[in-house]
PDB file of N, CA and C in Angstrom:
ATOM      1  N   MET A   1      -5.195 -11.280 -19.689  1.00  0.00           N
ATOM      2  CA  MET A   1      -5.569 -10.340 -18.700  1.00  0.00           C
ATOM      3  C   MET A   1      -6.957  -9.944 -18.977  1.00  0.00           C
ATOM      4  N   SER A   2      -7.832  -9.885 -17.927  1.00  0.00           N
ATOM      5  CA  SER A   2      -9.171  -9.505 -18.135  1.00  0.00           C
ATOM      6  C   SER A   2      -9.338  -8.073 -17.617  1.00  0.00           C
ATOM      7  N   ASP A   3     -10.330  -7.390 -18.265  1.00  0.00           N
ATOM      8  CA  ASP A   3     -10.693  -6.025 -17.876  1.00  0.00           C
ATOM      9  C   ASP A   3     -11.822  -6.019 -16.848  1.00  0.00           C
ATOM     10  N   ALA A   4     -11.866  -4.998 -16.168  1.00  0.00           N
ATOM     11  CA  ALA A   4     -12.819  -4.726 -15.067  1.00  0.00           C
ATOM     12  C   ALA A   4     -13.353  -3.347 -15.093  1.00  0.00           C
ATOM     13  N   ASN A   5     -14.594  -3.219 -14.825  1.00  0.00           N
ATOM     14  CA  ASN A   5     -15.202  -1.964 -14.704  1.00  0.00           C
ATOM     15  C   ASN A   5     -15.340  -1.568 -13.207  1.00  0.00           C
ATOM     16  N   ILE A   6     -14.850  -0.482 -12.911  1.00  0.00           N
ATOM     17  CA  ILE A   6     -14.842   0.029 -11.488  1.00  0.00           C
ATOM     18  C   ILE A   6     -15.702   1.219 -11.416  1.00  0.00           C
ATOM     19  N   ARG A   7     -16.704   1.226 -10.545  1.00  0.00           N
ATOM     20  CA  ARG A   7     -17.609   2.514 -10.335  1.00  0.00           C
ATOM     21  C   ARG A   7     -16.981   3.263  -9.141  1.00  0.00           C
ATOM     22  N   ILE A   8     -16.736   4.577  -9.446  1.00  0.00           N
ATOM     23  CA  ILE A   8     -16.258   5.342  -8.262  1.00  0.00           C
ATOM     24  C   ILE A   8     -17.079   6.575  -8.269  1.00  0.00           C
ATOM     25  N   LEU A   9     -17.108   7.291  -7.110  1.00  0.00           N
ATOM     26  CA  LEU A   9     -17.871   8.630  -7.065  1.00  0.00           C
ATOM     27  C   LEU A   9     -17.310   9.629  -8.137  1.00  0.00           C
ATOM     28  N   ALA A  10     -18.343  10.388  -8.686  1.00  0.00           N
ATOM     29  CA  ALA A  10     -17.911  11.359  -9.705  1.00  0.00           C
ATOM     30  C   ALA A  10     -17.043  12.388  -9.185  1.00  0.00           C
ATOM     31  N   GLU A  11     -17.043  12.699  -7.851  1.00  0.00           N
ATOM     32  CA  GLU A  11     -16.171  13.737  -7.259  1.00  0.00           C
ATOM     33  C   GLU A  11     -14.677  13.337  -7.289  1.00  0.00           C
ATOM     34  N   VAL A  12     -14.434  12.006  -7.369  1.00  0.00           N
ATOM     35  CA  VAL A  12     -13.089  11.591  -7.351  1.00  0.00           C
ATOM     36  C   VAL A  12     -12.644  10.800  -8.630  1.00  0.00           C
ATOM     37  N   CYS A  13     -13.438  10.831  -9.630  1.00  0.00           N
ATOM     38  CA  CYS A  13     -13.176   9.965 -10.678  1.00  0.00           C
ATOM     39  C   CYS A  13     -11.846  10.271 -11.475  1.00  0.00           C
ATOM     40  N   ASP A  14     -11.489  11.617 -11.518  1.00  0.00           N
ATOM     41  CA  ASP A  14     -10.318  11.942 -12.289  1.00  0.00           C
ATOM     42  C   ASP A  14      -9.052  11.811 -11.485  1.00  0.00           C
ATOM     43  N   ARG A  15      -9.175  11.691 -10.153  1.00  0.00           N
ATOM     44  CA  ARG A  15      -7.993  11.655  -9.415  1.00  0.00           C
ATOM     45  C   ARG A  15      -7.031  10.427  -9.646  1.00  0.00           C
ATOM     46  N   PRO A  16      -7.529   9.218  -9.686  1.00  0.00           N
ATOM     47  CA  PRO A  16      -6.609   8.170 -10.053  1.00  0.00           C
ATOM     48  C   PRO A  16      -5.853   8.331 -11.362  1.00  0.00           C
ATOM     49  N   ALA A  17      -6.500   8.930 -12.413  1.00  0.00           N
ATOM     50  CA  ALA A  17      -5.829   9.145 -13.676  1.00  0.00           C
ATOM     51  C   ALA A  17      -4.860  10.305 -13.442  1.00  0.00           C
ATOM     52  N   GLU A  18      -5.024  11.311 -12.713  1.00  0.00           N
ATOM     53  CA  GLU A  18      -4.081  12.312 -12.407  1.00  0.00           C
ATOM     54  C   GLU A  18      -2.880  11.790 -11.687  1.00  0.00           C
ATOM     55  N   ILE A  19      -3.015  10.810 -10.787  1.00  0.00           N
ATOM     56  CA  ILE A  19      -1.870  10.292 -10.046  1.00  0.00           C
ATOM     57  C   ILE A  19      -1.093   9.384 -10.987  1.00  0.00           C
ATOM     58  N   ALA A  20      -1.801   8.681 -11.829  1.00  0.00           N
ATOM     59  CA  ALA A  20      -1.082   7.768 -12.753  1.00  0.00           C
ATOM     60  C   ALA A  20      -0.319   8.634 -13.677  1.00  0.00           C
ATOM     61  N   ALA A  21      -0.874   9.734 -14.150  1.00  0.00           N
ATOM     62  CA  ALA A  21      -0.077  10.630 -15.127  1.00  0.00           C
ATOM     63  C   ALA A  21       1.091  11.207 -14.458  1.00  0.00           C
ATOM     64  N   ALA A  22       0.983  11.562 -13.165  1.00  0.00           N
ATOM     65  CA  ALA A  22       2.140  12.113 -12.469  1.00  0.00           C
ATOM     66  C   ALA A  22       3.344  11.151 -12.346  1.00  0.00           C
ATOM     67  N   TYR A  23       3.020   9.846 -12.330  1.00  0.00           N
ATOM     68  CA  TYR A  23       4.015   8.804 -12.384  1.00  0.00           C
ATOM     69  C   TYR A  23       4.395   8.413 -13.790  1.00  0.00           C
ATOM     70  N   GLY A  24       3.786   8.925 -14.758  1.00  0.00           N
ATOM     71  CA  GLY A  24       4.129   8.559 -16.202  1.00  0.00           C
ATOM     72  C   GLY A  24       3.513   7.301 -16.562  1.00  0.00           C
ATOM     73  N   LEU A  25       2.426   6.841 -15.956  1.00  0.00           N
ATOM     74  CA  LEU A  25       1.774   5.565 -16.119  1.00  0.00           C
ATOM     75  C   LEU A  25       0.361   5.743 -16.764  1.00  0.00           C
ATOM     76  N   SER A  26      -0.059   4.697 -17.379  1.00  0.00           N
ATOM     77  CA  SER A  26      -1.512   4.698 -17.736  1.00  0.00           C
ATOM     78  C   SER A  26      -2.270   4.329 -16.479  1.00  0.00           C
ATOM     79  N   LEU A  27      -3.546   4.572 -16.559  1.00  0.00           N
ATOM     80  CA  LEU A  27      -4.322   4.276 -15.325  1.00  0.00           C
ATOM     81  C   LEU A  27      -4.385   2.764 -15.054  1.00  0.00           C
ATOM     82  N   ARG A  28      -4.394   1.934 -16.116  1.00  0.00           N
ATOM     83  CA  ARG A  28      -4.284   0.486 -16.048  1.00  0.00           C
ATOM     84  C   ARG A  28      -2.979   0.007 -15.378  1.00  0.00           C
ATOM     85  N   ALA A  29      -1.856   0.624 -15.817  1.00  0.00           N
ATOM     86  CA  ALA A  29      -0.647   0.243 -15.262  1.00  0.00           C
ATOM     87  C   ALA A  29      -0.470   0.767 -13.727  1.00  0.00           C
ATOM     88  N   TYR A  30      -1.025   1.908 -13.519  1.00  0.00           N
ATOM     89  CA  TYR A  30      -0.973   2.395 -12.128  1.00  0.00           C
ATOM     90  C   TYR A  30      -1.684   1.494 -11.206  1.00  0.00           C
ATOM     91  N   LEU A  31      -2.950   1.066 -11.586  1.00  0.00           N
ATOM     92  CA  LEU A  31      -3.809   0.221 -10.780  1.00  0.00           C
ATOM     93  C   LEU A  31      -3.193  -1.096 -10.622  1.00  0.00           C
ATOM     94  N   ALA A  32      -2.549  -1.688 -11.691  1.00  0.00           N
ATOM     95  CA  ALA A  32      -1.822  -2.826 -11.539  1.00  0.00           C
ATOM     96  C   ALA A  32      -0.725  -2.843 -10.503  1.00  0.00           C
ATOM     97  N   ARG A  33       0.082  -1.750 -10.560  1.00  0.00           N
ATOM     98  CA  ARG A  33       1.110  -1.596  -9.638  1.00  0.00           C
ATOM     99  C   ARG A  33       0.626  -1.401  -8.202  1.00  0.00           C
ATOM    100  N   LEU A  34      -0.401  -0.742  -8.076  1.00  0.00           N
ATOM    101  CA  LEU A  34      -1.059  -0.482  -6.701  1.00  0.00           C
ATOM    102  C   LEU A  34      -1.521  -1.858  -6.182  1.00  0.00           C
ATOM    103  N   ALA A  35      -2.163  -2.612  -7.045  1.00  0.00           N
ATOM    104  CA  ALA A  35      -2.624  -3.961  -6.572  1.00  0.00           C
ATOM    105  C   ALA A  35      -1.500  -4.870  -6.076  1.00  0.00           C
ATOM    106  N   HIS A  36      -0.362  -4.734  -6.772  1.00  0.00           N
ATOM    107  CA  HIS A  36       0.847  -5.548  -6.356  1.00  0.00           C
ATOM    108  C   HIS A  36       1.502  -5.012  -5.181  1.00  0.00           C
ATOM    109  N   THR A  37       1.395  -3.789  -4.812  1.00  0.00           N
ATOM    110  CA  THR A  37       2.081  -3.272  -3.673  1.00  0.00           C
ATOM    111  C   THR A  37       1.266  -3.193  -2.378  1.00  0.00           C
ATOM    112  N   LEU A  38      -0.101  -3.221  -2.414  1.00  0.00           N
ATOM    113  CA  LEU A  38      -0.791  -2.997  -1.318  1.00  0.00           C
ATOM    114  C   LEU A  38      -1.016  -4.461  -0.530  1.00  0.00           C
ATOM    115  N   LEU A  39      -0.929  -4.316   0.810  1.00  0.00           N
ATOM    116  CA  LEU A  39      -1.054  -5.500   1.624  1.00  0.00           C
ATOM    117  C   LEU A  39      -2.513  -5.741   2.075  1.00  0.00           C
ATOM    118  N   THR A  40      -2.772  -6.962   2.173  1.00  0.00           N
ATOM    119  CA  THR A  40      -4.094  -7.292   2.771  1.00  0.00           C
ATOM    120  C   THR A  40      -4.036  -7.057   4.342  1.00  0.00           C
ATOM    121  N   PRO A  41      -5.145  -6.793   5.040  1.00  0.00           N
ATOM    122  CA  PRO A  41      -4.922  -6.718   6.547  1.00  0.00           C
ATOM    123  C   PRO A  41      -4.183  -7.878   7.195  1.00  0.00           C
ATOM    124  N   GLU A  42      -4.396  -9.045   6.660  1.00  0.00           N
ATOM    125  CA  GLU A  42      -3.707 -10.235   7.228  1.00  0.00           C
ATOM    126  C   GLU A  42      -2.228 -10.194   7.016  1.00  0.00           C
ATOM    127  N   ALA A  43      -1.733  -9.762   5.788  1.00  0.00           N
ATOM    128  CA  ALA A  43      -0.414  -9.703   5.463  1.00  0.00           C
ATOM    129  C   ALA A  43       0.282  -8.486   6.365  1.00  0.00           C
ATOM    130  N   ARG A  44      -0.506  -7.440   6.558  1.00  0.00           N
ATOM    131  CA  ARG A  44      -0.045  -6.288   7.251  1.00  0.00           C
ATOM    132  C   ARG A  44       0.296  -6.700   8.666  1.00  0.00           C
ATOM    133  N   ALA A  45      -0.770  -7.522   9.214  1.00  0.00           N
ATOM    134  CA  ALA A  45      -0.609  -8.062  10.692  1.00  0.00           C
ATOM    135  C   ALA A  45       0.548  -8.959  10.795  1.00  0.00           C
ATOM    136  N   GLU A  46       0.835  -9.792   9.719  1.00  0.00           N
ATOM    137  CA  GLU A  46       1.937 -10.720   9.812  1.00  0.00           C
ATOM    138  C   GLU A  46       3.288 -10.034   9.809  1.00  0.00           C
ATOM    139  N   ARG A  47       3.359  -8.918   8.996  1.00  0.00           N
ATOM    140  CA  ARG A  47       4.637  -8.203   8.881  1.00  0.00           C
ATOM    141  C   ARG A  47       4.752  -7.312  10.267  1.00  0.00           C
ATOM    142  N   ALA A  48       3.697  -6.890  10.787  1.00  0.00           N
ATOM    143  CA  ALA A  48       3.873  -6.112  12.087  1.00  0.00           C
ATOM    144  C   ALA A  48       4.341  -7.140  13.193  1.00  0.00           C
ATOM    145  N   ALA A  49       3.765  -8.390  13.257  1.00  0.00           N
ATOM    146  CA  ALA A  49       4.196  -9.307  14.229  1.00  0.00           C
ATOM    147  C   ALA A  49       5.641  -9.729  13.980  1.00  0.00           C
ATOM    148  N   ALA A  50       6.065  -9.788  12.919  1.00  0.00           N
ATOM    149  CA  ALA A  50       7.447 -10.214  12.620  1.00  0.00           C
ATOM    150  C   ALA A  50       8.358  -9.056  13.082  1.00  0.00           C
ATOM    151  N   ARG A  51       7.928  -7.863  13.036  1.00  0.00           N
ATOM    152  CA  ARG A  51       8.863  -6.747  13.400  1.00  0.00           C
ATOM    153  C   ARG A  51       8.881  -6.545  14.986  1.00  0.00           C
ATOM    154  N   CYS A  52       7.854  -7.012  15.644  1.00  0.00           N
ATOM    155  CA  CYS A  52       7.818  -6.768  17.052  1.00  0.00           C
ATOM    156  C   CYS A  52       8.984  -7.303  17.768  1.00  0.00           C
ATOM    157  N   VAL A  53       9.547  -6.541  18.666  1.00  0.00           N
ATOM    158  CA  VAL A  53      10.602  -6.884  19.448  1.00  0.00           C
ATOM    159  C   VAL A  53      10.152  -7.034  20.903  1.00  0.00           C
ATOM    160  N   PRO A  54      10.477  -8.257  21.513  1.00  0.00           N
ATOM    161  CA  PRO A  54      10.111  -8.493  22.793  1.00  0.00           C
ATOM    162  C   PRO A  54      10.602  -7.413  23.780  1.00  0.00           C
ATOM    163  N   SER A  55       9.733  -6.918  24.729  1.00  0.00           N
ATOM    164  CA  SER A  55      10.189  -5.868  25.628  1.00  0.00           C
ATOM    165  C   SER A  55      11.202  -6.604  26.629  1.00  0.00           C
ATOM    166  N   GLY A  56      12.044  -5.663  27.154  1.00  0.00           N
ATOM    167  CA  GLY A  56      13.026  -6.116  28.129  1.00  0.00           C
ATOM    168  C   GLY A  56      14.304  -5.410  27.919  1.00  0.00           C
ATOM    169  N   ALA A  57      15.333  -5.931  28.528  1.00  0.00           N
ATOM    170  CA  ALA A  57      16.695  -5.284  28.506  1.00  0.00           C
ATOM    171  C   ALA A  57      17.167  -5.105  27.107  1.00  0.00           C
ATOM    172  N   ALA A  58      16.931  -5.983  26.202  1.00  0.00           N
ATOM    173  CA  ALA A  58      17.449  -5.820  24.914  1.00  0.00           C
ATOM    174  C   ALA A  58      16.938  -4.626  24.090  1.00  0.00           C
ATOM    175  N   THR A  59      15.846  -4.099  24.551  1.00  0.00           N
ATOM    176  CA  THR A  59      15.229  -2.909  23.814  1.00  0.00           C
ATOM    177  C   THR A  59      15.533  -1.643  24.576  1.00  0.00           C
ATOM    178  N   ARG A  60      16.256  -1.628  25.753  1.00  0.00           N
ATOM    179  CA  ARG A  60      16.510  -0.476  26.401  1.00  0.00           C
ATOM    180  C   ARG A  60      17.872   0.187  25.915  1.00  0.00           C
ATOM    181  N   TRP A  61      17.944   1.392  25.849  1.00  0.00           N
ATOM    182  CA  TRP A  61      19.192   2.133  25.604  1.00  0.00           C
ATOM    183  C   TRP A  61      20.201   2.024  26.740  1.00  0.00           C
ATOM    184  N   PRO A  62      21.447   1.802  26.480  1.00  0.00           N
ATOM    185  CA  PRO A  62      22.364   1.637  27.582  1.00  0.00           C
ATOM    186  C   PRO A  62      22.587   3.060  28.294  1.00  0.00           C
ATOM    187  N   ARG A  63      22.764   2.991  29.563  1.00  0.00           N
ATOM    188  CA  ARG A  63      22.900   4.159  30.334  1.00  0.00           C
ATOM    189  C   ARG A  63      24.313   4.660  30.188  1.00  0.00           C
ATOM    190  N   VAL A  64      24.417   5.982  30.078  1.00  0.00           N
ATOM    191  CA  VAL A  64      25.792   6.591  29.830  1.00  0.00           C
ATOM    192  C   VAL A  64      26.233   7.224  31.089  1.00  0.00           C
TER     193      VAL A  64
END
């Protein structure tokens, strides 16, 4: 595993560590988990397209 240096604004530099600690994780573990769970814009579009239901009678609620 390689290390990386990430520069972030001073105003928010403690926030990722606070979030990681709230989950009981190190900052490294939290960022690794975040990287594995976030979707790229392309992957997000693919998932959205797969969930789309064609409009029509199949999407209408039955009348009572």
